[in-house]
C-alpha atoms as a PDB file:
ATOM      1  CA  MET A   1     194.056 -37.119 174.106  1.00  0.00           C
ATOM      2  CA  ALA A   2     195.266 -35.315 177.206  1.00  0.00           C
ATOM      3  CA  MET A   3     191.706 -34.299 178.110  1.00  0.00           C
ATOM      4  CA  ALA A   4     190.481 -37.884 177.699  1.00  0.00           C
ATOM      5  CA  ALA A   5     193.319 -39.220 179.820  1.00  0.00           C
ATOM      6  CA  LEU A   6     192.626 -36.613 182.514  1.00  0.00           C
ATOM      7  CA  ARG A   7     188.953 -37.585 182.675  1.00  0.00           C
ATOM      8  CA  ARG A   8     189.896 -41.274 182.786  1.00  0.00           C
ATOM      9  CA  GLU A   9     192.293 -40.761 185.690  1.00  0.00           C
ATOM     10  CA  GLY A  10     189.701 -38.631 187.487  1.00  0.00           C
ATOM     11  CA  ARG A  11     187.122 -41.422 187.255  1.00  0.00           C
ATOM     12  CA  ARG A  12     189.705 -43.878 188.504  1.00  0.00           C
ATOM     13  CA  PHE A  13     190.637 -41.680 191.424  1.00  0.00           C
ATOM     14  CA  ALA A  14     187.115 -40.616 192.467  1.00  0.00           C
ATOM     15  CA  PRO A  15     185.891 -43.859 194.106  1.00  0.00           C
ATOM     16  CA  LEU A  16     189.100 -44.136 196.085  1.00  0.00           C
ATOM     17  CA  ILE A  17     188.633 -40.904 197.984  1.00  0.00           C
ATOM     18  CA  SER A  18     185.064 -41.509 199.096  1.00  0.00           C
ATOM     19  CA  PRO A  19     184.790 -41.222 202.885  1.00  0.00           C
ATOM     20  CA  ARG A  20     184.492 -44.347 204.986  1.00  0.00           C
ATOM     21  CA  PRO A  21     183.115 -44.480 208.519  1.00  0.00           C
ATOM     22  CA  ILE A  22     185.656 -44.887 211.310  1.00  0.00           C
ATOM     23  CA  THR A  23     185.173 -48.198 213.101  1.00  0.00           C
ATOM     24  CA  ALA A  24     186.797 -49.269 216.338  1.00  0.00           C
ATOM     25  CA  VAL A  25     188.771 -52.514 216.369  1.00  0.00           C
ATOM     26  CA  ARG A  26     187.550 -55.031 218.908  1.00  0.00           C
ATOM     27  CA  SER A  27     189.104 -58.360 219.792  1.00  0.00           C
ATOM     28  CA  SER A  28     187.470 -61.148 217.854  1.00  0.00           C
ATOM     29  CA  PRO A  29     188.267 -64.779 217.122  1.00  0.00           C
ATOM     30  CA  ILE A  30     188.489 -63.780 213.480  1.00  0.00           C
ATOM     31  CA  ALA A  31     190.623 -60.661 213.512  1.00  0.00           C
ATOM     32  CA  PRO A  32     190.362 -58.318 210.522  1.00  0.00           C
ATOM     33  CA  SER A  33     193.352 -57.620 208.323  1.00  0.00           C
ATOM     34  CA  HIS A  34     195.672 -55.097 209.956  1.00  0.00           C
ATOM     35  CA  GLU A  35     196.153 -53.397 206.622  1.00  0.00           C
ATOM     36  CA  ASP A  36     192.485 -52.406 206.555  1.00  0.00           C
ATOM     37  CA  GLU A  37     191.809 -51.516 210.171  1.00  0.00           C
ATOM     38  CA  GLY A  38     193.624 -49.527 212.848  1.00  0.00           C
ATOM     39  CA  PRO A  39     193.406 -48.498 216.491  1.00  0.00           C
ATOM     40  CA  ILE A  40     190.390 -46.661 217.869  1.00  0.00           C
ATOM     41  CA  GLY A  41     190.104 -43.102 216.565  1.00  0.00           C
ATOM     42  CA  VAL A  42     192.597 -43.650 213.721  1.00  0.00           C
ATOM     43  CA  ARG A  43     191.472 -44.117 210.154  1.00  0.00           C
ATOM     44  CA  TYR A  44     193.706 -46.681 208.461  1.00  0.00           C
ATOM     45  CA  ILE A  45     193.605 -47.783 204.845  1.00  0.00           C
ATOM     46  CA  SER A  46     195.548 -50.484 203.065  1.00  0.00           C
ATOM     47  CA  THR A  47     198.909 -49.687 201.546  1.00  0.00           C
ATOM     48  CA  GLN A  48     197.638 -50.968 198.206  1.00  0.00           C
ATOM     49  CA  VAL A  49     194.865 -48.344 198.165  1.00  0.00           C
ATOM     50  CA  VAL A  50     197.378 -45.611 198.963  1.00  0.00           C
ATOM     51  CA  ARG A  51     199.691 -46.837 196.207  1.00  0.00           C
ATOM     52  CA  ASN A  52     196.794 -46.729 193.735  1.00  0.00           C
ATOM     53  CA  ARG A  53     195.988 -43.195 194.799  1.00  0.00           C
ATOM     54  CA  MET A  54     199.617 -42.134 194.416  1.00  0.00           C
ATOM     55  CA  LYS A  55     199.744 -43.654 190.941  1.00  0.00           C
ATOM     56  CA  SER A  56     196.572 -41.804 189.889  1.00  0.00           C
ATOM     57  CA  VAL A  57     197.855 -38.486 191.217  1.00  0.00           C
ATOM     58  CA  LYS A  58     201.186 -38.963 189.417  1.00  0.00           C
ATOM     59  CA  ASN A  59     199.375 -39.639 186.141  1.00  0.00           C
ATOM     60  CA  ILE A  60     197.197 -36.545 186.571  1.00  0.00           C
ATOM     61  CA  GLN A  61     200.282 -34.459 187.365  1.00  0.00           C
ATOM     62  CA  LYS A  62     201.985 -35.652 184.167  1.00  0.00           C
ATOM     63  CA  ILE A  63     198.912 -34.675 182.136  1.00  0.00           C
ATOM     64  CA  THR A  64     198.602 -31.204 183.673  1.00  0.00           C
ATOM     65  CA  LYS A  65     202.325 -30.511 183.146  1.00  0.00           C
ATOM     66  CA  ALA A  66     202.038 -31.561 179.507  1.00  0.00           C
ATOM     67  CA  MET A  67     198.948 -29.365 179.016  1.00  0.00           C
ATOM     68  CA  LYS A  68     200.810 -26.423 180.549  1.00  0.00           C
ATOM     69  CA  MET A  69     203.679 -26.824 178.079  1.00  0.00           C
ATOM     70  CA  VAL A  70     201.260 -27.114 175.137  1.00  0.00           C
ATOM     71  CA  ALA A  71     199.428 -23.954 176.264  1.00  0.00           C
ATOM     72  CA  ALA A  72     202.745 -22.099 176.597  1.00  0.00           C
ATOM     73  CA  SER A  73     203.718 -23.100 173.061  1.00  0.00           C
ATOM     74  CA  LYS A  74     200.365 -21.969 171.630  1.00  0.00           C
ATOM     75  CA  LEU A  75     200.551 -18.717 173.585  1.00  0.00           C
ATOM     76  CA  ARG A  76     203.945 -17.834 172.118  1.00  0.00           C
ATOM     77  CA  ALA A  77     202.623 -18.540 168.625  1.00  0.00           C
ATOM     78  CA  VAL A  78     199.559 -16.279 168.907  1.00  0.00           C
ATOM     79  CA  GLN A  79     200.924 -13.504 171.140  1.00  0.00           C
ATOM     80  CA  SER A  80     202.968 -11.802 168.406  1.00  0.00           C
ATOM     81  CA  LYS A  81     199.931 -11.808 166.076  1.00  0.00           C
ATOM     82  CA  THR A  82     197.836 -10.251 168.825  1.00  0.00           C
ATOM     83  CA  GLU A  83     200.278  -7.420 169.466  1.00  0.00           C
ATOM     84  CA  ASN A  84     200.509  -6.637 165.750  1.00  0.00           C
ATOM     85  CA  SER A  85     196.708  -6.665 165.315  1.00  0.00           C
ATOM     86  CA  ARG A  86     196.187  -3.925 167.892  1.00  0.00           C
ATOM     87  CA  GLY A  87     197.212  -1.300 165.357  1.00  0.00           C
ATOM     88  CA  LEU A  88     194.383  -2.245 162.992  1.00  0.00           C
ATOM     89  CA  TRP A  89     191.398  -0.988 164.978  1.00  0.00           C
ATOM     90  CA  GLN A  90     192.972   2.054 166.684  1.00  0.00           C
ATOM     91  CA  PRO A  91     192.589   4.399 163.655  1.00  0.00           C
ATOM     92  CA  PHE A  92     188.899   3.501 163.465  1.00  0.00           C
ATOM     93  CA  THR A  93     188.449   4.336 167.128  1.00  0.00           C
ATOM     94  CA  ALA A  94     190.103   7.721 166.528  1.00  0.00           C
ATOM     95  CA  LEU A  95     187.877   8.393 163.491  1.00  0.00           C
ATOM     96  CA  LEU A  96     184.527   6.838 164.386  1.00  0.00           C
ATOM     97  CA  GLY A  97     184.889   6.642 168.162  1.00  0.00           C
ATOM     98  CA  ASP A  98     183.722   3.918 170.517  1.00  0.00           C
ATOM     99  CA  LEU A  99     180.322   4.767 172.006  1.00  0.00           C
ATOM    100  CA  PRO A 100     179.190   1.975 174.355  1.00  0.00           C
ATOM    101  CA  SER A 101     176.337   4.061 175.787  1.00  0.00           C
ATOM    102  CA  VAL A 102     174.738   5.022 172.456  1.00  0.00           C
ATOM    103  CA  ASP A 103     170.950   4.557 172.456  1.00  0.00           C
ATOM    104  CA  VAL A 104     169.768   2.282 169.632  1.00  0.00           C
ATOM    105  CA  LYS A 105     166.772   0.031 168.951  1.00  0.00           C
ATOM    106  CA  LYS A 106     168.546  -3.042 167.573  1.00  0.00           C
ATOM    107  CA  SER A 107     171.609  -4.259 169.436  1.00  0.00           C
ATOM    108  CA  VAL A 108     173.640  -7.397 168.794  1.00  0.00           C
ATOM    109  CA  VAL A 109     175.993  -8.766 171.450  1.00  0.00           C
ATOM    110  CA  VAL A 110     178.876 -10.732 169.919  1.00  0.00           C
ATOM    111  CA  THR A 111     180.212 -13.001 172.681  1.00  0.00           C
ATOM    112  CA  ILE A 112     183.652 -14.502 172.029  1.00  0.00           C
ATOM    113  CA  SER A 113     184.654 -17.559 174.066  1.00  0.00           C
ATOM    114  CA  SER A 114     186.787 -20.685 173.750  1.00  0.00           C
ATOM    115  CA  ASP A 115     185.810 -24.082 172.372  1.00  0.00           C
ATOM    116  CA  LYS A 116     187.642 -25.969 175.148  1.00  0.00           C
ATOM    117  CA  GLY A 117     187.587 -25.721 178.927  1.00  0.00           C
ATOM    118  CA  LEU A 118     190.201 -25.973 181.701  1.00  0.00           C
ATOM    119  CA  CYS A 119     191.072 -22.298 181.255  1.00  0.00           C
ATOM    120  CA  GLY A 120     189.792 -20.657 184.419  1.00  0.00           C
ATOM    121  CA  GLY A 121     186.885 -18.237 184.420  1.00  0.00           C
ATOM    122  CA  ILE A 122     187.406 -16.313 181.176  1.00  0.00           C
ATOM    123  CA  ASN A 123     184.335 -17.811 179.499  1.00  0.00           C
ATOM    124  CA  SER A 124     182.082 -17.246 182.517  1.00  0.00           C
ATOM    125  CA  THR A 125     183.250 -13.629 182.672  1.00  0.00           C
ATOM    126  CA  SER A 126     182.391 -13.005 179.004  1.00  0.00           C
ATOM    127  CA  VAL A 127     178.960 -14.608 179.380  1.00  0.00           C
ATOM    128  CA  LYS A 128     178.224 -12.614 182.543  1.00  0.00           C
ATOM    129  CA  ILE A 129     179.087  -9.309 180.840  1.00  0.00           C
ATOM    130  CA  SER A 130     177.060 -10.281 177.760  1.00  0.00           C
ATOM    131  CA  LYS A 131     174.010 -10.967 179.908  1.00  0.00           C
ATOM    132  CA  GLY A 132     174.458  -7.604 181.618  1.00  0.00           C
ATOM    133  CA  ILE A 133     174.641  -5.769 178.273  1.00  0.00           C
ATOM    134  CA  HIS A 134     171.582  -7.679 177.054  1.00  0.00           C
ATOM    135  CA  LYS A 135     169.643  -6.641 180.142  1.00  0.00           C
ATOM    136  CA  LEU A 136     170.666  -2.981 179.852  1.00  0.00           C
ATOM    137  CA  ASN A 137     169.668  -2.761 176.187  1.00  0.00           C
ATOM    138  CA  SER A 138     166.358  -4.581 176.484  1.00  0.00           C
ATOM    139  CA  GLY A 139     163.051  -2.772 176.583  1.00  0.00           C
ATOM    140  CA  PRO A 140     159.565  -2.496 175.081  1.00  0.00           C
ATOM    141  CA  GLU A 141     160.823  -0.859 171.869  1.00  0.00           C
ATOM    142  CA  LYS A 142     164.298  -2.374 171.866  1.00  0.00           C
ATOM    143  CA  GLU A 143     165.587  -5.656 170.545  1.00  0.00           C
ATOM    144  CA  THR A 144     168.831  -7.343 171.589  1.00  0.00           C
ATOM    145  CA  LYS A 145     170.206 -10.528 170.058  1.00  0.00           C
ATOM    146  CA  TYR A 146     173.252 -12.738 170.627  1.00  0.00           C
ATOM    147  CA  VAL A 147     175.915 -13.865 168.184  1.00  0.00           C
ATOM    148  CA  ILE A 148     178.032 -16.552 169.842  1.00  0.00           C
ATOM    149  CA  LEU A 149     181.573 -17.583 168.956  1.00  0.00           C
ATOM    150  CA  GLY A 150     182.767 -20.670 170.844  1.00  0.00           C
ATOM    151  CA  GLU A 151     181.282 -23.770 172.443  1.00  0.00           C
ATOM    152  CA  LYS A 152     181.565 -22.585 176.057  1.00  0.00           C
ATOM    153  CA  ALA A 153     179.480 -19.443 175.608  1.00  0.00           C
ATOM    154  CA  LYS A 154     176.988 -21.463 173.573  1.00  0.00           C
ATOM    155  CA  ALA A 155     176.579 -24.018 176.392  1.00  0.00           C
ATOM    156  CA  GLN A 156     175.893 -21.278 178.966  1.00  0.00           C
ATOM    157  CA  LEU A 157     173.690 -18.902 176.949  1.00  0.00           C
ATOM    158  CA  ILE A 158     171.563 -21.538 175.275  1.00  0.00           C
ATOM    159  CA  ARG A 159     170.060 -22.543 178.652  1.00  0.00           C
ATOM    160  CA  ASP A 160     168.113 -19.365 179.367  1.00  0.00           C
ATOM    161  CA  SER A 161     168.503 -17.196 176.225  1.00  0.00           C
ATOM    162  CA  LYS A 162     167.901 -19.635 173.393  1.00  0.00           C
ATOM    163  CA  LYS A 163     165.236 -17.484 171.728  1.00  0.00           C
ATOM    164  CA  ASP A 164     167.594 -14.484 171.599  1.00  0.00           C
ATOM    165  CA  ILE A 165     170.459 -16.310 169.865  1.00  0.00           C
ATOM    166  CA  GLU A 166     170.724 -15.214 166.236  1.00  0.00           C
ATOM    167  CA  LEU A 167     173.884 -17.024 165.098  1.00  0.00           C
ATOM    168  CA  ILE A 168     176.347 -19.585 166.548  1.00  0.00           C
ATOM    169  CA  ILE A 169     179.878 -20.141 165.220  1.00  0.00           C
ATOM    170  CA  THR A 170     182.150 -22.826 166.682  1.00  0.00           C
ATOM    171  CA  ASP A 171     185.525 -24.460 165.924  1.00  0.00           C
ATOM    172  CA  LEU A 172     187.010 -21.034 165.282  1.00  0.00           C
ATOM    173  CA  GLN A 173     190.523 -22.049 166.378  1.00  0.00           C
ATOM    174  CA  LYS A 174     190.560 -25.375 164.588  1.00  0.00           C
ATOM    175  CA  ASN A 175     192.962 -23.790 162.071  1.00  0.00           C
ATOM    176  CA  PRO A 176     195.568 -21.064 162.743  1.00  0.00           C
ATOM    177  CA  LEU A 177     193.824 -17.708 163.001  1.00  0.00           C
ATOM    178  CA  ASN A 178     194.338 -15.214 160.163  1.00  0.00           C
ATOM    179  CA  TYR A 179     192.604 -12.077 158.920  1.00  0.00           C
ATOM    180  CA  THR A 180     191.042 -13.785 155.878  1.00  0.00           C
ATOM    181  CA  GLN A 181     189.322 -16.391 158.063  1.00  0.00           C
ATOM    182  CA  VAL A 182     187.958 -13.810 160.512  1.00  0.00           C
ATOM    183  CA  SER A 183     186.844 -11.408 157.744  1.00  0.00           C
ATOM    184  CA  VAL A 184     184.746 -14.206 156.210  1.00  0.00           C
ATOM    185  CA  LEU A 185     183.077 -14.749 159.591  1.00  0.00           C
ATOM    186  CA  ALA A 186     182.506 -10.998 159.974  1.00  0.00           C
ATOM    187  CA  ASP A 187     180.921 -10.861 156.513  1.00  0.00           C
ATOM    188  CA  GLU A 188     178.639 -13.772 157.427  1.00  0.00           C
ATOM    189  CA  ILE A 189     177.516 -11.970 160.588  1.00  0.00           C
ATOM    190  CA  LEU A 190     176.829  -8.736 158.674  1.00  0.00           C
ATOM    191  CA  LYS A 191     174.745 -10.598 156.081  1.00  0.00           C
ATOM    192  CA  ASN A 192     172.623 -12.573 158.544  1.00  0.00           C
ATOM    193  CA  VAL A 193     172.094 -10.062 161.351  1.00  0.00           C
ATOM    194  CA  GLU A 194     170.337  -6.696 161.327  1.00  0.00           C
ATOM    195  CA  PHE A 195     171.764  -4.223 163.826  1.00  0.00           C
ATOM    196  CA  ASP A 196     172.131  -0.605 164.830  1.00  0.00           C
ATOM    197  CA  ALA A 197     175.047  -1.387 167.161  1.00  0.00           C
ATOM    198  CA  LEU A 198     177.341  -4.410 167.488  1.00  0.00           C
ATOM    199  CA  ARG A 199     178.868  -4.897 170.926  1.00  0.00           C
ATOM    200  CA  ILE A 200     181.818  -7.306 170.884  1.00  0.00           C
ATOM    201  CA  VAL A 201     182.616  -8.893 174.268  1.00  0.00           C
ATOM    202  CA  PHE A 202     186.052 -10.473 174.669  1.00  0.00           C
ATOM    203  CA  ASN A 203     188.976 -10.800 177.081  1.00  0.00           C
ATOM    204  CA  LYS A 204     191.897  -8.480 176.385  1.00  0.00           C
ATOM    205  CA  PHE A 205     195.264 -10.088 177.065  1.00  0.00           C
ATOM    206  CA  GLN A 206     197.495  -8.337 179.605  1.00  0.00           C
ATOM    207  CA  SER A 207     199.819 -11.086 180.838  1.00  0.00           C
ATOM    208  CA  VAL A 208     199.805 -14.811 181.515  1.00  0.00           C
ATOM    209  CA  VAL A 209     197.952 -14.263 184.781  1.00  0.00           C
ATOM    210  CA  SER A 210     195.928 -11.183 183.840  1.00  0.00           C
ATOM    211  CA  PHE A 211     193.195 -10.426 181.307  1.00  0.00           C
ATOM    212  CA  VAL A 212     190.659  -7.606 181.127  1.00  0.00           C
ATOM    213  CA  PRO A 213     187.024  -8.120 179.998  1.00  0.00           C
ATOM    214  CA  THR A 214     186.469  -5.595 177.184  1.00  0.00           C
ATOM    215  CA  VAL A 215     183.503  -4.367 175.134  1.00  0.00           C
ATOM    216  CA  SER A 216     183.986  -2.752 171.704  1.00  0.00           C
ATOM    217  CA  THR A 217     181.050  -1.036 169.974  1.00  0.00           C
ATOM    218  CA  ILE A 218     180.557  -0.924 166.195  1.00  0.00           C
ATOM    219  CA  LEU A 219     177.801   1.385 164.926  1.00  0.00           C
ATOM    220  CA  SER A 220     175.863   0.956 161.705  1.00  0.00           C
ATOM    221  CA  PRO A 221     176.343   3.650 159.001  1.00  0.00           C
ATOM    222  CA  GLU A 222     172.879   5.092 159.722  1.00  0.00           C
ATOM    223  CA  ILE A 223     173.656   5.545 163.419  1.00  0.00           C
ATOM    224  CA  VAL A 224     177.052   7.058 162.557  1.00  0.00           C
ATOM    225  CA  GLU A 225     175.337   9.641 160.331  1.00  0.00           C
ATOM    226  CA  ARG A 226     172.758  10.330 163.032  1.00  0.00           C
ATOM    227  CA  GLU A 227     175.428  10.885 165.667  1.00  0.00           C
ATOM    228  CA  ALA A 228     177.424  13.078 163.283  1.00  0.00           C
ATOM    229  CA  GLU A 229     174.388  15.262 162.564  1.00  0.00           C
ATOM    230  CA  SER A 230     173.606  15.594 166.262  1.00  0.00           C
ATOM    231  CA  GLY A 231     177.062  17.121 166.821  1.00  0.00           C
ATOM    232  CA  GLY A 232     178.331  14.552 169.281  1.00  0.00           C
ATOM    233  CA  LYS A 233     181.717  12.890 169.238  1.00  0.00           C
ATOM    234  CA  LEU A 234     181.214  12.046 165.559  1.00  0.00           C
ATOM    235  CA  GLY A 235     180.461  15.635 164.553  1.00  0.00           C
ATOM    236  CA  ASP A 236     183.958  16.057 163.103  1.00  0.00           C
ATOM    237  CA  LEU A 237     183.124  13.646 160.268  1.00  0.00           C
ATOM    238  CA  ASP A 238     181.497  16.509 158.346  1.00  0.00           C
ATOM    239  CA  ASN A 239     184.862  18.273 158.181  1.00  0.00           C
ATOM    240  CA  TYR A 240     186.297  15.553 155.927  1.00  0.00           C
ATOM    241  CA  GLU A 241     186.111  16.132 152.190  1.00  0.00           C
ATOM    242  CA  VAL A 242     184.791  13.219 150.123  1.00  0.00           C
ATOM    243  CA  GLU A 243     186.675  12.549 146.879  1.00  0.00           C
ATOM    244  CA  GLY A 244     185.613  10.317 144.011  1.00  0.00           C
ATOM    245  CA  GLY A 245     182.164   9.199 142.970  1.00  0.00           C
ATOM    246  CA  GLU A 246     181.146   7.566 146.243  1.00  0.00           C
ATOM    247  CA  THR A 247     178.609   9.179 148.498  1.00  0.00           C
ATOM    248  CA  LYS A 248     179.079   9.719 152.186  1.00  0.00           C
ATOM    249  CA  GLY A 249     176.718   6.835 152.982  1.00  0.00           C
ATOM    250  CA  GLU A 250     178.703   4.405 150.810  1.00  0.00           C
ATOM    251  CA  ILE A 251     181.970   5.452 152.422  1.00  0.00           C
ATOM    252  CA  LEU A 252     180.526   4.988 155.903  1.00  0.00           C
ATOM    253  CA  GLN A 253     179.175   1.558 154.887  1.00  0.00           C
ATOM    254  CA  ASN A 254     182.623   0.448 153.721  1.00  0.00           C
ATOM    255  CA  LEU A 255     184.253   1.898 156.829  1.00  0.00           C
ATOM    256  CA  ALA A 256     181.786   0.127 159.135  1.00  0.00           C
ATOM    257  CA  GLU A 257     182.377  -3.250 157.472  1.00  0.00           C
ATOM    258  CA  PHE A 258     186.166  -2.860 157.513  1.00  0.00           C
ATOM    259  CA  GLN A 259     186.085  -1.639 161.110  1.00  0.00           C
ATOM    260  CA  PHE A 260     184.043  -4.659 162.187  1.00  0.00           C
ATOM    261  CA  SER A 261     186.411  -7.151 160.529  1.00  0.00           C
ATOM    262  CA  CYS A 262     189.494  -5.460 162.058  1.00  0.00           C
ATOM    263  CA  VAL A 263     187.997  -5.273 165.558  1.00  0.00           C
ATOM    264  CA  MET A 264     186.793  -8.886 165.273  1.00  0.00           C
ATOM    265  CA  PHE A 265     190.263 -10.050 164.220  1.00  0.00           C
ATOM    266  CA  ASN A 266     191.889  -8.344 167.190  1.00  0.00           C
ATOM    267  CA  ALA A 267     189.172  -9.527 169.598  1.00  0.00           C
ATOM    268  CA  VAL A 268     189.507 -13.169 168.520  1.00  0.00           C
ATOM    269  CA  LEU A 269     193.298 -13.057 168.904  1.00  0.00           C
ATOM    270  CA  GLU A 270     193.097 -11.286 172.278  1.00  0.00           C
ATOM    271  CA  ASN A 271     190.655 -13.900 173.551  1.00  0.00           C
ATOM    272  CA  ALA A 272     192.823 -16.745 172.230  1.00  0.00           C
ATOM    273  CA  CYS A 273     195.830 -15.285 174.092  1.00  0.00           C
ATOM    274  CA  SER A 274     193.794 -14.927 177.278  1.00  0.00           C
ATOM    275  CA  GLU A 275     192.555 -18.508 176.933  1.00  0.00           C
ATOM    276  CA  GLN A 276     196.058 -19.987 176.620  1.00  0.00           C
ATOM    277  CA  GLY A 277     197.403 -17.804 179.437  1.00  0.00           C
ATOM    278  CA  ALA A 278     194.537 -18.813 181.730  1.00  0.00           C
ATOM    279  CA  ARG A 279     195.030 -22.479 180.801  1.00  0.00           C
ATOM    280  CA  MET A 280     198.764 -22.194 181.603  1.00  0.00           C
ATOM    281  CA  SER A 281     197.951 -20.711 184.995  1.00  0.00           C
ATOM    282  CA  ALA A 282     195.253 -23.311 185.739  1.00  0.00           C
ATOM    283  CA  MET A 283     197.467 -26.266 184.765  1.00  0.00           C
ATOM    284  CA  ASP A 284     200.378 -24.895 186.795  1.00  0.00           C
ATOM    285  CA  SER A 285     198.118 -24.603 189.835  1.00  0.00           C
ATOM    286  CA  SER A 286     196.802 -28.140 189.242  1.00  0.00           C
ATOM    287  CA  SER A 287     200.338 -29.535 188.983  1.00  0.00           C
ATOM    288  CA  ARG A 288     201.339 -27.897 192.260  1.00  0.00           C
ATOM    289  CA  ASN A 289     198.192 -29.174 193.972  1.00  0.00           C
ATOM    290  CA  ALA A 290     198.930 -32.678 192.682  1.00  0.00           C
ATOM    291  CA  GLY A 291     202.459 -32.413 194.077  1.00  0.00           C
ATOM    292  CA  ASP A 292     201.118 -31.387 197.486  1.00  0.00           C
ATOM    293  CA  MET A 293     198.618 -34.251 197.455  1.00  0.00           C
ATOM    294  CA  LEU A 294     201.390 -36.661 196.469  1.00  0.00           C
ATOM    295  CA  ASP A 295     203.462 -35.532 199.459  1.00  0.00           C
ATOM    296  CA  ARG A 296     200.540 -36.118 201.800  1.00  0.00           C
ATOM    297  CA  LEU A 297     199.832 -39.530 200.300  1.00  0.00           C
ATOM    298  CA  THR A 298     203.506 -40.513 200.629  1.00  0.00           C
ATOM    299  CA  LEU A 299     203.405 -39.589 204.303  1.00  0.00           C
ATOM    300  CA  THR A 300     200.179 -41.564 204.752  1.00  0.00           C
ATOM    301  CA  TYR A 301     201.695 -44.564 202.977  1.00  0.00           C
ATOM    302  CA  ASN A 302     204.775 -44.530 205.209  1.00  0.00           C
ATOM    303  CA  ARG A 303     202.670 -44.228 208.351  1.00  0.00           C
ATOM    304  CA  THR A 304     200.333 -47.027 207.268  1.00  0.00           C
ATOM    305  CA  ARG A 305     203.234 -49.306 206.391  1.00  0.00           C
ATOM    306  CA  GLN A 306     205.001 -48.567 209.687  1.00  0.00           C
ATOM    307  CA  ALA A 307     201.812 -49.156 211.663  1.00  0.00           C
ATOM    308  CA  SER A 308     201.331 -52.514 209.935  1.00  0.00           C
ATOM    309  CA  ILE A 309     204.924 -53.571 210.748  1.00  0.00           C
ATOM    310  CA  THR A 310     204.577 -52.446 214.380  1.00  0.00           C
ATOM    311  CA  THR A 311     201.313 -54.374 214.794  1.00  0.00           C
ATOM    312  CA  GLU A 312     202.837 -57.542 213.407  1.00  0.00           C
ATOM    313  CA  LEU A 313     205.825 -57.243 215.793  1.00  0.00           C
ATOM    314  CA  ILE A 314     203.492 -56.786 218.745  1.00  0.00           C
ATOM    315  CA  GLU A 315     201.549 -59.892 217.724  1.00  0.00           C
ATOM    316  CA  ILE A 316     204.756 -61.938 217.446  1.00  0.00           C
ATOM    317  CA  ILE A 317     205.989 -60.800 220.859  1.00  0.00           C
ATOM    318  CA  SER A 318     202.567 -61.370 222.445  1.00  0.00           C
ATOM    319  CA  GLY A 319     202.386 -64.865 220.956  1.00  0.00           C
ATOM    320  CA  ALA A 320     205.859 -65.750 222.193  1.00  0.00           C
ATOM    321  CA  SER A 321     205.031 -64.466 225.684  1.00  0.00           C
ATOM    322  CA  ALA A 322     201.796 -66.516 225.743  1.00  0.00           C
ATOM    323  CA  LEU A 323     203.712 -69.684 224.805  1.00  0.00           C
ATOM    324  CA  GLU A 324     206.302 -69.106 227.511  1.00  0.00           C
ATOM    325  CA  GLY A 325     203.596 -68.467 230.110  1.00  0.00           C
END
């Protein structure tokens, strides 16, 4: 409702601020209204127009203040979940590593964005990084696809990369975020997308006014085995002793799936925190700008009203002098 009211007030305010040419006032038998015209070189508008503008700005300011308070409430609700979720993926990073520069044939870029706007440039930043990763991992023998979470990334990527989009998921934050919900989404992605490396792009929450674009890499079990055999950062995996009836490949498959769901859960929460923090900052800036505009309009209204009163007094005095003469 707040978004609809903001758009309605914007449409109401837009035609009022369109520029008008400055016209000089010349003496005429039919003099124009002094509320609409002014002296040469001065642009005067009617007090009614200024009052309408002031009313529109006040309404917009009320909406932006309300949206700021709503964003602050949502941020407090999701921030504690985000901080607790950071401990889920850190053991996987210590065990399996995070290799963003690994060379693979099939890459999937998972771009996480918001479903709503008015939250600064967090969505544009995620899309820009996703396009850069897609360009770096494209080639004659390489294939890179997109998996999109959120309406804003969908709207931007579908323009020029529609053929590379493998899966689109929206309305992620319609219900309160929890691990069960995100794990179902992660399982759906794993079933519908073939990959050697998943690169998750999201905004990591730092503070209300600060977020860091982040890329987390999840490797498939085959690539993990390949990197372990080559003696790279994953070479220490061979030092672990496997117990039970499961093979090494089955254990790596389970680890990869669990790692992806944990990293996805943290990434979605981090991005949700960044979204609410950016929206708080944007609405606070909009409220302050509306206050400054309201001050300027109040000054304009007072000047216009005073000029109208002064003109009327001059006309009365001039008329009285003409009668006496």
